[in-house]
Amino acid sequence: MHIEVRIIPKSEMPYDTWDNYYITNGGDLVFEIADTGNILFNRIMLIHAMVEQLLTDVNGVSAKAITDFDMNFTGLEEPGEEVDAPYRNEHLIAKAVEMLICANLNVPWKLYNGGIIK
């Protein structure tokens, strides 16, 4: 298995999301991160996606279940934070890691989160 990271324009994401991950037919793991214009923010977002993917994979939450939920989401907040999200726990743990990294790097959460949630 190879792991590939792609930083791409948000307009090229498969749906309205900041990160996406999937396994190709060849078995490679691909992470797609919407470019925020800030390399540090992109890297922090990648860590979030990697933690979330690891946890959902080990816990048996399929990428299809996540994508289906996200694509049908109509709320105002992040879909992964909804109580009925199939990956809620995994998302919240990844968000906690993301917040810890921001704190360690002295990146204010509101600045980071405001920089990616526009």
Protein backbone atom coordinates (compact mmCIF):
# COMPACT_ATOMS: atom_id res chain seq x y z
CA MET A 1 0.00 0.00 0.00
CA HIS A 2 1.13 3.50 -0.82
CA ILE A 3 -0.12 6.62 0.92
CA GLU A 4 -0.63 9.67 -1.26
CA VAL A 5 -1.35 13.22 -0.14
CA ARG A 6 -2.90 15.71 -2.54
CA ILE A 7 -3.32 19.39 -1.74
CA ILE A 8 -5.92 20.58 -4.24
CA PRO A 9 -8.15 23.62 -4.80
CA LYS A 10 -11.35 23.43 -2.76
CA SER A 11 -13.30 23.62 -6.03
CA GLU A 12 -11.83 20.23 -7.01
CA MET A 13 -13.02 18.44 -3.88
CA PRO A 14 -15.67 15.81 -4.70
CA TYR A 15 -18.22 17.64 -2.51
CA ASP A 16 -18.26 20.55 -0.04
CA THR A 17 -15.55 19.37 2.34
CA TRP A 18 -12.06 20.40 3.45
CA ASP A 19 -10.62 16.91 3.50
CA ASN A 20 -11.35 13.59 1.89
CA TYR A 21 -9.75 10.18 2.02
CA TYR A 22 -10.31 6.92 0.21
CA ILE A 23 -8.67 3.68 -0.85
CA THR A 24 -8.14 3.22 -4.57
CA ASN A 25 -8.97 0.03 -6.46
CA GLY A 26 -5.24 -0.74 -6.29
CA GLY A 27 -5.27 -0.52 -2.50
CA ASP A 28 -3.54 2.83 -2.10
CA LEU A 29 -4.71 5.27 0.56
CA VAL A 30 -5.28 8.80 -0.76
CA PHE A 31 -5.77 11.94 1.31
CA GLU A 32 -7.13 15.03 -0.44
CA ILE A 33 -6.81 18.31 1.42
CA ALA A 34 -8.45 21.50 0.18
CA ASP A 35 -5.78 24.16 -0.12
CA THR A 36 -6.29 26.90 2.47
CA GLY A 37 -3.44 28.98 1.09
CA ASN A 38 -1.54 28.33 4.33
CA ILE A 39 0.86 25.37 4.31
CA LEU A 40 0.77 25.03 8.10
CA PHE A 41 -3.04 24.92 8.11
CA ASN A 42 -2.98 22.37 5.29
CA ARG A 43 -0.62 20.15 7.29
CA ILE A 44 -2.72 20.41 10.46
CA MET A 45 -5.80 19.51 8.42
CA LEU A 46 -3.92 16.51 7.00
CA ILE A 47 -3.20 15.30 10.54
CA HIS A 48 -6.92 15.56 11.34
CA ALA A 49 -7.76 13.52 8.23
CA MET A 50 -5.11 10.90 9.00
CA VAL A 51 -6.30 10.42 12.59
CA GLU A 52 -9.93 10.25 11.50
CA GLN A 53 -9.17 7.77 8.72
CA LEU A 54 -7.15 5.51 11.01
CA LEU A 55 -9.87 5.45 13.64
CA THR A 56 -12.74 4.92 11.20
CA ASP A 57 -10.82 2.15 9.43
CA VAL A 58 -10.02 0.29 12.66
CA ASN A 59 -13.55 0.85 14.00
CA GLY A 60 -15.21 -0.41 10.81
CA VAL A 61 -16.76 2.84 9.59
CA SER A 62 -16.61 2.77 5.80
CA ALA A 63 -15.50 5.69 3.66
CA LYS A 64 -18.76 5.23 1.74
CA ALA A 65 -20.82 5.70 4.92
CA ILE A 66 -18.90 8.88 5.67
CA THR A 67 -19.22 10.27 2.14
CA ASP A 68 -22.93 9.41 1.95
CA PHE A 69 -23.58 11.13 5.26
CA ASP A 70 -21.52 14.19 4.33
CA MET A 71 -23.09 14.57 0.89
CA ASN A 72 -26.61 14.50 2.36
CA PHE A 73 -25.76 16.82 5.26
CA THR A 74 -27.80 20.04 5.37
CA GLY A 75 -26.87 21.44 8.80
CA LEU A 76 -24.82 24.50 9.62
CA GLU A 77 -21.93 22.95 11.54
CA GLU A 78 -19.46 20.25 10.51
CA PRO A 79 -21.24 17.02 9.53
CA GLY A 80 -18.91 14.90 11.69
CA GLU A 81 -20.13 16.69 14.79
CA GLU A 82 -23.77 15.70 14.28
CA VAL A 83 -25.02 13.14 16.80
CA ASP A 84 -26.12 10.76 14.04
CA ALA A 85 -22.87 10.96 12.04
CA PRO A 86 -21.50 7.43 11.60
CA TYR A 87 -18.00 8.73 12.35
CA ARG A 88 -18.81 11.25 15.09
CA ASN A 89 -16.52 9.79 17.76
CA GLU A 90 -13.63 9.41 15.34
CA HIS A 91 -14.14 12.95 14.05
CA LEU A 92 -14.22 14.43 17.54
CA ILE A 93 -11.02 12.63 18.54
CA ALA A 94 -9.33 13.88 15.34
CA LYS A 95 -10.56 17.40 16.13
CA ALA A 96 -9.14 17.16 19.65
CA VAL A 97 -5.75 16.15 18.21
CA GLU A 98 -6.02 19.03 15.75
CA MET A 99 -6.71 21.44 18.61
CA LEU A 100 -3.76 20.10 20.62
CA ILE A 101 -1.45 20.60 17.66
CA CYS A 102 -2.70 24.16 17.18
CA ALA A 103 -2.13 24.88 20.87
CA ASN A 104 1.37 23.39 20.75
CA LEU A 105 2.24 25.49 17.69
CA ASN A 106 0.72 28.63 19.23
CA VAL A 107 -1.87 28.82 16.46
CA PRO A 108 -5.08 30.24 17.95
CA TRP A 109 -7.94 27.83 17.25
CA LYS A 110 -10.21 30.67 16.10
CA LEU A 111 -7.56 31.82 13.61
CA TYR A 112 -7.02 28.29 12.28
CA ASN A 113 -10.67 27.29 12.23
CA GLY A 114 -11.61 30.65 10.72
CA GLY A 115 -8.93 30.12 8.08
CA ILE A 116 -10.45 26.85 6.91
CA ILE A 117 -14.15 27.35 7.62
CA LYS A 118 -15.11 30.19 5.33
